[in-house]
PDB file of N, CA and C in Angstrom:
ATOM      1  N   UNK A   1     151.758  -2.603-244.758  1.00  0.00           N
ATOM      2  CA  UNK A   1     152.898  -3.478-244.255  1.00  0.00           C
ATOM      3  C   UNK A   1     153.472  -3.716-245.860  1.00  0.00           C
ATOM      4  N   UNK A   2     155.210  -3.365-245.265  1.00  0.00           N
ATOM      5  CA  UNK A   2     156.451  -2.808-245.750  1.00  0.00           C
ATOM      6  C   UNK A   2     157.013  -4.932-245.786  1.00  0.00           C
ATOM      7  N   UNK A   3     157.816  -4.547-246.981  1.00  0.00           N
ATOM      8  CA  UNK A   3     158.668  -5.683-247.362  1.00  0.00           C
ATOM      9  C   UNK A   3     159.204  -6.274-246.623  1.00  0.00           C
ATOM     10  N   UNK A   4     159.895  -5.384-245.833  1.00  0.00           N
ATOM     11  CA  UNK A   4     160.894  -5.092-244.671  1.00  0.00           C
ATOM     12  C   UNK A   4     160.680  -5.451-243.400  1.00  0.00           C
ATOM     13  N   UNK A   5     159.175  -5.737-242.594  1.00  0.00           N
ATOM     14  CA  UNK A   5     158.665  -6.339-241.796  1.00  0.00           C
ATOM     15  C   UNK A   5     159.213  -7.958-241.319  1.00  0.00           C
ATOM     16  N   UNK A   6     159.384  -8.311-240.448  1.00  0.00           N
ATOM     17  CA  UNK A   6     160.718  -9.050-239.697  1.00  0.00           C
ATOM     18  C   UNK A   6     159.607  -9.712-238.629  1.00  0.00           C
ATOM     19  N   UNK A   7     158.114 -10.017-238.404  1.00  0.00           N
ATOM     20  CA  UNK A   7     157.504 -10.431-237.821  1.00  0.00           C
ATOM     21  C   UNK A   7     156.921 -11.802-237.861  1.00  0.00           C
ATOM     22  N   UNK A   8     157.538 -12.653-236.474  1.00  0.00           N
ATOM     23  CA  UNK A   8     157.207 -14.011-236.475  1.00  0.00           C
ATOM     24  C   UNK A   8     156.236 -14.935-237.263  1.00  0.00           C
ATOM     25  N   UNK A   9     154.963 -14.100-237.675  1.00  0.00           N
ATOM     26  CA  UNK A   9     154.041 -14.700-238.752  1.00  0.00           C
ATOM     27  C   UNK A   9     154.659 -14.559-240.127  1.00  0.00           C
ATOM     28  N   UNK A  10     155.783 -12.930-240.199  1.00  0.00           N
ATOM     29  CA  UNK A  10     156.224 -13.619-241.729  1.00  0.00           C
ATOM     30  C   UNK A  10     157.498 -14.490-241.931  1.00  0.00           C
ATOM     31  N   UNK A  11     158.158 -14.815-240.753  1.00  0.00           N
ATOM     32  CA  UNK A  11     159.508 -15.403-240.945  1.00  0.00           C
ATOM     33  C   UNK A  11     158.503 -16.666-241.078  1.00  0.00           C
ATOM     34  N   UNK A  12     157.774 -17.389-240.524  1.00  0.00           N
ATOM     35  CA  UNK A  12     156.853 -18.514-240.267  1.00  0.00           C
ATOM     36  C   UNK A  12     156.049 -18.671-241.831  1.00  0.00           C
ATOM     37  N   UNK A  13     156.082 -17.564-242.551  1.00  0.00           N
ATOM     38  CA  UNK A  13     155.123 -17.736-243.846  1.00  0.00           C
ATOM     39  C   UNK A  13     156.169 -18.109-244.693  1.00  0.00           C
ATOM     40  N   UNK A  14     157.486 -17.327-244.452  1.00  0.00           N
ATOM     41  CA  UNK A  14     158.553 -17.580-245.302  1.00  0.00           C
ATOM     42  C   UNK A  14     158.925 -19.207-245.551  1.00  0.00           C
ATOM     43  N   UNK A  15     159.269 -19.523-244.403  1.00  0.00           N
ATOM     44  CA  UNK A  15     159.738 -20.192-244.243  1.00  0.00           C
ATOM     45  C   UNK A  15     158.944 -21.748-244.429  1.00  0.00           C
ATOM     46  N   UNK A  16     157.611 -21.557-244.221  1.00  0.00           N
ATOM     47  CA  UNK A  16     156.876 -22.868-244.342  1.00  0.00           C
ATOM     48  C   UNK A  16     156.598 -22.669-246.484  1.00  0.00           C
ATOM     49  N   UNK A  17     157.198 -21.412-246.816  1.00  0.00           N
ATOM     50  CA  UNK A  17     157.358 -21.408-248.237  1.00  0.00           C
ATOM     51  C   UNK A  17     158.439 -22.274-249.156  1.00  0.00           C
ATOM     52  N   UNK A  18     159.685 -21.952-247.978  1.00  0.00           N
ATOM     53  CA  UNK A  18     160.496 -21.638-248.928  1.00  0.00           C
ATOM     54  C   UNK A  18     161.340 -23.610-248.371  1.00  0.00           C
ATOM     55  N   UNK A  19     161.278 -23.734-247.086  1.00  0.00           N
ATOM     56  CA  UNK A  19     161.906 -24.818-246.332  1.00  0.00           C
ATOM     57  C   UNK A  19     161.687 -26.024-247.134  1.00  0.00           C
ATOM     58  N   UNK A  20     160.559 -26.792-247.605  1.00  0.00           N
ATOM     59  CA  UNK A  20     160.183 -27.810-248.422  1.00  0.00           C
ATOM     60  C   UNK A  20     160.855 -27.061-249.728  1.00  0.00           C
ATOM     61  N   UNK A  21     161.242 -26.083-250.359  1.00  0.00           N
ATOM     62  CA  UNK A  21     161.578 -26.145-251.800  1.00  0.00           C
ATOM     63  C   UNK A  21     163.532 -26.670-251.070  1.00  0.00           C
ATOM     64  N   UNK A  22     163.882 -26.165-250.144  1.00  0.00           N
ATOM     65  CA  UNK A  22     165.712 -26.406-249.953  1.00  0.00           C
ATOM     66  C   UNK A  22     165.456 -27.663-249.530  1.00  0.00           C
ATOM     67  N   UNK A  23     164.630 -28.291-248.631  1.00  0.00           N
ATOM     68  CA  UNK A  23     164.809 -29.629-248.533  1.00  0.00           C
ATOM     69  C   UNK A  23     165.035 -30.672-249.916  1.00  0.00           C
ATOM     70  N   UNK A  24     163.703 -30.382-250.306  1.00  0.00           N
ATOM     71  CA  UNK A  24     163.815 -31.052-251.939  1.00  0.00           C
ATOM     72  C   UNK A  24     165.107 -31.011-252.660  1.00  0.00           C
ATOM     73  N   UNK A  25     165.735 -29.473-252.544  1.00  0.00           N
ATOM     74  CA  UNK A  25     167.446 -29.490-253.521  1.00  0.00           C
ATOM     75  C   UNK A  25     168.219 -30.406-252.951  1.00  0.00           C
ATOM     76  N   UNK A  26     168.071 -30.531-250.973  1.00  0.00           N
ATOM     77  CA  UNK A  26     169.420 -30.947-250.325  1.00  0.00           C
ATOM     78  C   UNK A  26     169.388 -32.553-251.097  1.00  0.00           C
ATOM     79  N   UNK A  27     167.993 -33.401-250.758  1.00  0.00           N
ATOM     80  CA  UNK A  27     167.762 -34.234-251.170  1.00  0.00           C
ATOM     81  C   UNK A  27     167.906 -35.189-252.630  1.00  0.00           C
ATOM     82  N   UNK A  28     167.996 -33.957-253.796  1.00  0.00           N
ATOM     83  CA  UNK A  28     168.698 -34.368-254.770  1.00  0.00           C
ATOM     84  C   UNK A  28     170.325 -33.644-254.732  1.00  0.00           C
ATOM     85  N   UNK A  29     170.212 -32.894-254.150  1.00  0.00           N
ATOM     86  CA  UNK A  29     172.417 -32.843-254.449  1.00  0.00           C
ATOM     87  C   UNK A  29     172.714 -33.757-252.763  1.00  0.00           C
ATOM     88  N   UNK A  30     172.374 -34.682-252.245  1.00  0.00           N
ATOM     89  CA  UNK A  30     173.090 -35.129-251.058  1.00  0.00           C
ATOM     90  C   UNK A  30     174.374 -35.490-251.701  1.00  0.00           C
ATOM     91  N   UNK A  31     175.597 -34.914-250.619  1.00  0.00           N
ATOM     92  CA  UNK A  31     177.171 -35.262-250.782  1.00  0.00           C
ATOM     93  C   UNK A  31     177.452 -34.179-251.787  1.00  0.00           C
ATOM     94  N   UNK A  32     176.827 -33.658-252.366  1.00  0.00           N
ATOM     95  CA  UNK A  32     177.359 -32.385-253.590  1.00  0.00           C
ATOM     96  C   UNK A  32     177.668 -31.243-253.191  1.00  0.00           C
ATOM     97  N   UNK A  33     178.956 -30.862-253.793  1.00  0.00           N
ATOM     98  CA  UNK A  33     178.986 -28.999-253.161  1.00  0.00           C
ATOM     99  C   UNK A  33     178.196 -28.486-254.336  1.00  0.00           C
ATOM    100  N   UNK A  34     177.720 -27.153-253.451  1.00  0.00           N
ATOM    101  CA  UNK A  34     177.232 -26.281-254.549  1.00  0.00           C
ATOM    102  C   UNK A  34     177.257 -24.757-253.845  1.00  0.00           C
ATOM    103  N   UNK A  35     176.994 -23.880-254.949  1.00  0.00           N
ATOM    104  CA  UNK A  35     177.052 -22.532-254.549  1.00  0.00           C
ATOM    105  C   UNK A  35     175.952 -22.228-254.049  1.00  0.00           C
ATOM    106  N   UNK A  36     176.093 -21.447-253.376  1.00  0.00           N
ATOM    107  CA  UNK A  36     174.704 -20.436-252.685  1.00  0.00           C
ATOM    108  C   UNK A  36     173.585 -19.506-253.655  1.00  0.00           C
ATOM    109  N   UNK A  37     174.265 -19.210-254.630  1.00  0.00           N
ATOM    110  CA  UNK A  37     173.842 -19.201-256.142  1.00  0.00           C
ATOM    111  C   UNK A  37     172.944 -19.589-256.708  1.00  0.00           C
ATOM    112  N   UNK A  38     172.900 -21.201-256.766  1.00  0.00           N
ATOM    113  CA  UNK A  38     172.722 -22.192-256.483  1.00  0.00           C
ATOM    114  C   UNK A  38     171.591 -22.763-256.730  1.00  0.00           C
ATOM    115  N   UNK A  39     171.625 -22.604-255.053  1.00  0.00           N
ATOM    116  CA  UNK A  39     170.279 -23.059-254.214  1.00  0.00           C
ATOM    117  C   UNK A  39     168.945 -21.194-254.516  1.00  0.00           C
ATOM    118  N   UNK A  40     169.567 -20.423-254.103  1.00  0.00           N
ATOM    119  CA  UNK A  40     169.056 -18.874-254.503  1.00  0.00           C
ATOM    120  C   UNK A  40     167.982 -19.244-255.867  1.00  0.00           C
ATOM    121  N   UNK A  41     169.184 -19.527-256.850  1.00  0.00           N
ATOM    122  CA  UNK A  41     168.437 -19.267-257.888  1.00  0.00           C
ATOM    123  C   UNK A  41     167.218 -20.601-258.619  1.00  0.00           C
ATOM    124  N   UNK A  42     167.541 -22.114-257.313  1.00  0.00           N
ATOM    125  CA  UNK A  42     166.637 -22.655-257.891  1.00  0.00           C
ATOM    126  C   UNK A  42     165.245 -22.640-256.437  1.00  0.00           C
ATOM    127  N   UNK A  43     165.040 -21.690-255.669  1.00  0.00           N
ATOM    128  CA  UNK A  43     164.092 -21.326-254.760  1.00  0.00           C
ATOM    129  C   UNK A  43     163.689 -19.925-255.770  1.00  0.00           C
ATOM    130  N   UNK A  44     164.515 -19.301-256.278  1.00  0.00           N
ATOM    131  CA  UNK A  44     163.817 -18.135-257.113  1.00  0.00           C
ATOM    132  C   UNK A  44     163.246 -18.435-258.442  1.00  0.00           C
ATOM    133  N   UNK A  45     163.135 -19.567-258.644  1.00  0.00           N
ATOM    134  CA  UNK A  45     162.492 -20.368-259.671  1.00  0.00           C
ATOM    135  C   UNK A  45     161.376 -20.903-259.586  1.00  0.00           C
ATOM    136  N   UNK A  46     161.100 -21.325-258.260  1.00  0.00           N
ATOM    137  CA  UNK A  46     160.416 -22.288-257.959  1.00  0.00           C
ATOM    138  C   UNK A  46     159.554 -21.095-257.360  1.00  0.00           C
ATOM    139  N   UNK A  47     159.567 -20.545-256.546  1.00  0.00           N
ATOM    140  CA  UNK A  47     158.510 -19.298-255.790  1.00  0.00           C
ATOM    141  C   UNK A  47     159.441 -18.165-256.317  1.00  0.00           C
ATOM    142  N   UNK A  48     158.829 -17.083-257.102  1.00  0.00           N
ATOM    143  CA  UNK A  48     159.620 -15.719-257.453  1.00  0.00           C
ATOM    144  C   UNK A  48     159.663 -15.047-256.919  1.00  0.00           C
ATOM    145  N   UNK A  49     158.412 -14.932-255.973  1.00  0.00           N
ATOM    146  CA  UNK A  49     158.232 -13.463-254.838  1.00  0.00           C
ATOM    147  C   UNK A  49     158.818 -14.020-253.713  1.00  0.00           C
ATOM    148  N   UNK A  50     159.930 -14.468-253.536  1.00  0.00           N
ATOM    149  CA  UNK A  50     160.632 -14.146-252.154  1.00  0.00           C
ATOM    150  C   UNK A  50     161.906 -13.275-252.312  1.00  0.00           C
ATOM    151  N   UNK A  51     162.414 -12.729-251.098  1.00  0.00           N
ATOM    152  CA  UNK A  51     163.322 -12.198-251.018  1.00  0.00           C
ATOM    153  C   UNK A  51     164.678 -12.676-251.352  1.00  0.00           C
ATOM    154  N   UNK A  52     165.833 -12.192-252.492  1.00  0.00           N
ATOM    155  CA  UNK A  52     166.957 -12.792-252.642  1.00  0.00           C
ATOM    156  C   UNK A  52     167.522 -13.757-251.453  1.00  0.00           C
ATOM    157  N   UNK A  53     167.763 -12.885-250.524  1.00  0.00           N
ATOM    158  CA  UNK A  53     168.513 -13.314-248.945  1.00  0.00           C
ATOM    159  C   UNK A  53     167.738 -14.413-248.130  1.00  0.00           C
ATOM    160  N   UNK A  54     166.698 -14.544-248.990  1.00  0.00           N
ATOM    161  CA  UNK A  54     166.092 -16.005-247.514  1.00  0.00           C
ATOM    162  C   UNK A  54     166.088 -16.838-247.725  1.00  0.00           C
ATOM    163  N   UNK A  55     166.454 -17.290-249.157  1.00  0.00           N
ATOM    164  CA  UNK A  55     166.810 -19.089-249.411  1.00  0.00           C
ATOM    165  C   UNK A  55     168.492 -19.520-248.370  1.00  0.00           C
ATOM    166  N   UNK A  56     169.417 -18.456-247.928  1.00  0.00           N
ATOM    167  CA  UNK A  56     170.370 -18.262-247.413  1.00  0.00           C
ATOM    168  C   UNK A  56     170.055 -18.652-245.675  1.00  0.00           C
ATOM    169  N   UNK A  57     169.025 -17.438-245.430  1.00  0.00           N
ATOM    170  CA  UNK A  57     168.928 -17.569-244.052  1.00  0.00           C
ATOM    171  C   UNK A  57     167.847 -18.472-243.657  1.00  0.00           C
ATOM    172  N   UNK A  58     167.168 -19.041-244.297  1.00  0.00           N
ATOM    173  CA  UNK A  58     166.505 -20.423-244.444  1.00  0.00           C
ATOM    174  C   UNK A  58     167.187 -21.842-244.061  1.00  0.00           C
ATOM    175  N   UNK A  59     168.404 -22.180-245.115  1.00  0.00           N
ATOM    176  CA  UNK A  59     169.083 -22.442-245.255  1.00  0.00           C
ATOM    177  C   UNK A  59     169.776 -23.312-243.348  1.00  0.00           C
ATOM    178  N   UNK A  60     170.327 -21.709-243.097  1.00  0.00           N
ATOM    179  CA  UNK A  60     171.218 -21.816-241.552  1.00  0.00           C
ATOM    180  C   UNK A  60     169.756 -22.348-240.621  1.00  0.00           C
ATOM    181  N   UNK A  61     168.459 -21.909-240.751  1.00  0.00           N
ATOM    182  CA  UNK A  61     167.418 -21.955-240.012  1.00  0.00           C
ATOM    183  C   UNK A  61     167.049 -23.727-239.945  1.00  0.00           C
ATOM    184  N   UNK A  62     167.390 -24.448-241.301  1.00  0.00           N
ATOM    185  CA  UNK A  62     166.841 -25.752-241.427  1.00  0.00           C
ATOM    186  C   UNK A  62     168.146 -26.551-240.774  1.00  0.00           C
ATOM    187  N   UNK A  63     169.446 -26.311-240.511  1.00  0.00           N
ATOM    188  CA  UNK A  63     170.763 -26.751-240.328  1.00  0.00           C
ATOM    189  C   UNK A  63     170.475 -26.579-239.041  1.00  0.00           C
ATOM    190  N   UNK A  64     170.181 -25.216-238.215  1.00  0.00           N
ATOM    191  CA  UNK A  64     169.981 -25.319-236.729  1.00  0.00           C
ATOM    192  C   UNK A  64     169.300 -26.197-236.207  1.00  0.00           C
ATOM    193  N   UNK A  65     168.264 -26.351-236.631  1.00  0.00           N
ATOM    194  CA  UNK A  65     167.103 -27.558-236.526  1.00  0.00           C
ATOM    195  C   UNK A  65     167.198 -28.432-236.340  1.00  0.00           C
ATOM    196  N   UNK A  66     168.324 -28.837-237.232  1.00  0.00           N
ATOM    197  CA  UNK A  66     168.353 -30.227-237.503  1.00  0.00           C
ATOM    198  C   UNK A  66     168.022 -30.921-238.702  1.00  0.00           C
ATOM    199  N   UNK A  67     167.674 -30.588-239.091  1.00  0.00           N
ATOM    200  CA  UNK A  67     167.035 -30.842-240.570  1.00  0.00           C
ATOM    201  C   UNK A  67     167.987 -31.337-241.639  1.00  0.00           C
ATOM    202  N   UNK A  68     168.698 -30.508-241.735  1.00  0.00           N
ATOM    203  CA  UNK A  68     169.790 -31.089-242.605  1.00  0.00           C
ATOM    204  C   UNK A  68     171.101 -30.576-242.607  1.00  0.00           C
ATOM    205  N   UNK A  69     172.355 -30.418-243.093  1.00  0.00           N
ATOM    206  CA  UNK A  69     173.374 -30.660-242.681  1.00  0.00           C
ATOM    207  C   UNK A  69     174.371 -30.320-244.019  1.00  0.00           C
ATOM    208  N   UNK A  70     175.203 -29.109-243.708  1.00  0.00           N
ATOM    209  CA  UNK A  70     176.077 -28.792-244.578  1.00  0.00           C
ATOM    210  C   UNK A  70     177.539 -27.756-243.801  1.00  0.00           C
ATOM    211  N   UNK A  71     178.266 -27.887-244.537  1.00  0.00           N
ATOM    212  CA  UNK A  71     179.552 -26.958-244.320  1.00  0.00           C
ATOM    213  C   UNK A  71     179.939 -26.360-245.355  1.00  0.00           C
ATOM    214  N   UNK A  72     180.750 -25.537-245.126  1.00  0.00           N
ATOM    215  CA  UNK A  72     181.135 -24.233-245.962  1.00  0.00           C
ATOM    216  C   UNK A  72     182.498 -24.739-246.466  1.00  0.00           C
ATOM    217  N   UNK A  73     182.956 -25.213-247.931  1.00  0.00           N
ATOM    218  CA  UNK A  73     184.340 -25.383-248.109  1.00  0.00           C
ATOM    219  C   UNK A  73     185.125 -24.290-248.421  1.00  0.00           C
ATOM    220  N   UNK A  74     184.053 -23.145-249.728  1.00  0.00           N
ATOM    221  CA  UNK A  74     185.550 -21.905-249.622  1.00  0.00           C
ATOM    222  C   UNK A  74     183.907 -20.571-249.249  1.00  0.00           C
ATOM    223  N   UNK A  75     184.131 -20.173-248.336  1.00  0.00           N
ATOM    224  CA  UNK A  75     183.598 -18.790-247.849  1.00  0.00           C
ATOM    225  C   UNK A  75     182.961 -17.622-248.593  1.00  0.00           C
ATOM    226  N   UNK A  76     184.274 -17.502-249.376  1.00  0.00           N
ATOM    227  CA  UNK A  76     184.376 -16.197-250.541  1.00  0.00           C
ATOM    228  C   UNK A  76     183.756 -16.208-251.468  1.00  0.00           C
ATOM    229  N   UNK A  77     183.824 -17.875-252.000  1.00  0.00           N
ATOM    230  CA  UNK A  77     183.138 -18.342-253.171  1.00  0.00           C
ATOM    231  C   UNK A  77     181.447 -18.951-253.314  1.00  0.00           C
ATOM    232  N   UNK A  78     181.265 -18.790-251.783  1.00  0.00           N
ATOM    233  CA  UNK A  78     179.924 -19.132-251.284  1.00  0.00           C
ATOM    234  C   UNK A  78     179.786 -20.511-251.722  1.00  0.00           C
ATOM    235  N   UNK A  79     181.001 -21.473-251.745  1.00  0.00           N
ATOM    236  CA  UNK A  79     180.097 -23.183-251.908  1.00  0.00           C
ATOM    237  C   UNK A  79     180.068 -23.594-250.699  1.00  0.00           C
ATOM    238  N   UNK A  80     179.379 -24.521-250.689  1.00  0.00           N
ATOM    239  CA  UNK A  80     179.005 -25.461-249.557  1.00  0.00           C
ATOM    240  C   UNK A  80     179.355 -27.142-249.961  1.00  0.00           C
ATOM    241  N   UNK A  81     179.115 -27.810-248.992  1.00  0.00           N
ATOM    242  CA  UNK A  81     178.740 -28.943-249.012  1.00  0.00           C
ATOM    243  C   UNK A  81     178.001 -29.819-248.431  1.00  0.00           C
ATOM    244  N   UNK A  82     176.601 -30.330-249.263  1.00  0.00           N
ATOM    245  CA  UNK A  82     175.611 -31.150-247.945  1.00  0.00           C
ATOM    246  C   UNK A  82     176.305 -32.482-247.683  1.00  0.00           C
ATOM    247  N   UNK A  83     176.144 -32.623-246.694  1.00  0.00           N
ATOM    248  CA  UNK A  83     176.944 -33.933-245.656  1.00  0.00           C
ATOM    249  C   UNK A  83     175.228 -34.422-244.906  1.00  0.00           C
ATOM    250  N   UNK A  84     175.597 -35.686-244.267  1.00  0.00           N
ATOM    251  CA  UNK A  84     174.507 -36.326-244.056  1.00  0.00           C
ATOM    252  C   UNK A  84     174.224 -36.136-242.539  1.00  0.00           C
ATOM    253  N   UNK A  85     173.042 -36.082-241.843  1.00  0.00           N
ATOM    254  CA  UNK A  85     172.921 -35.598-240.709  1.00  0.00           C
ATOM    255  C   UNK A  85     173.906 -35.856-239.290  1.00  0.00           C
ATOM    256  N   UNK A  86     174.316 -36.438-239.923  1.00  0.00           N
ATOM    257  CA  UNK A  86     175.098 -36.998-238.299  1.00  0.00           C
ATOM    258  C   UNK A  86     176.918 -37.031-238.661  1.00  0.00           C
ATOM    259  N   UNK A  87     177.771 -36.164-239.990  1.00  0.00           N
ATOM    260  CA  UNK A  87     178.388 -35.781-240.272  1.00  0.00           C
ATOM    261  C   UNK A  87     178.814 -34.381-240.532  1.00  0.00           C
ATOM    262  N   UNK A  88     180.020 -33.871-239.434  1.00  0.00           N
ATOM    263  CA  UNK A  88     180.482 -32.163-239.700  1.00  0.00           C
ATOM    264  C   UNK A  88     181.137 -31.709-240.948  1.00  0.00           C
TER     265      UNK A  88
END
């Protein structure tokens, strides 16, 4: 099986590993600005076996599911800010 496999089972496995780490990061940085690289490093530190682009993908999925909220402050700098779920 290749590392590029994107089956539903693989997506679920990656989501189930990374989502709790991202939710913890979200809880510890509520209302704060952060760079995508900060989140990526945090996730890779706790789970070094994941693909480097997975934290960003899972972050977007968590927002789509309504589990967390953030806004893009500066796309070029990959700067985001967590918001409460009721705020855009």
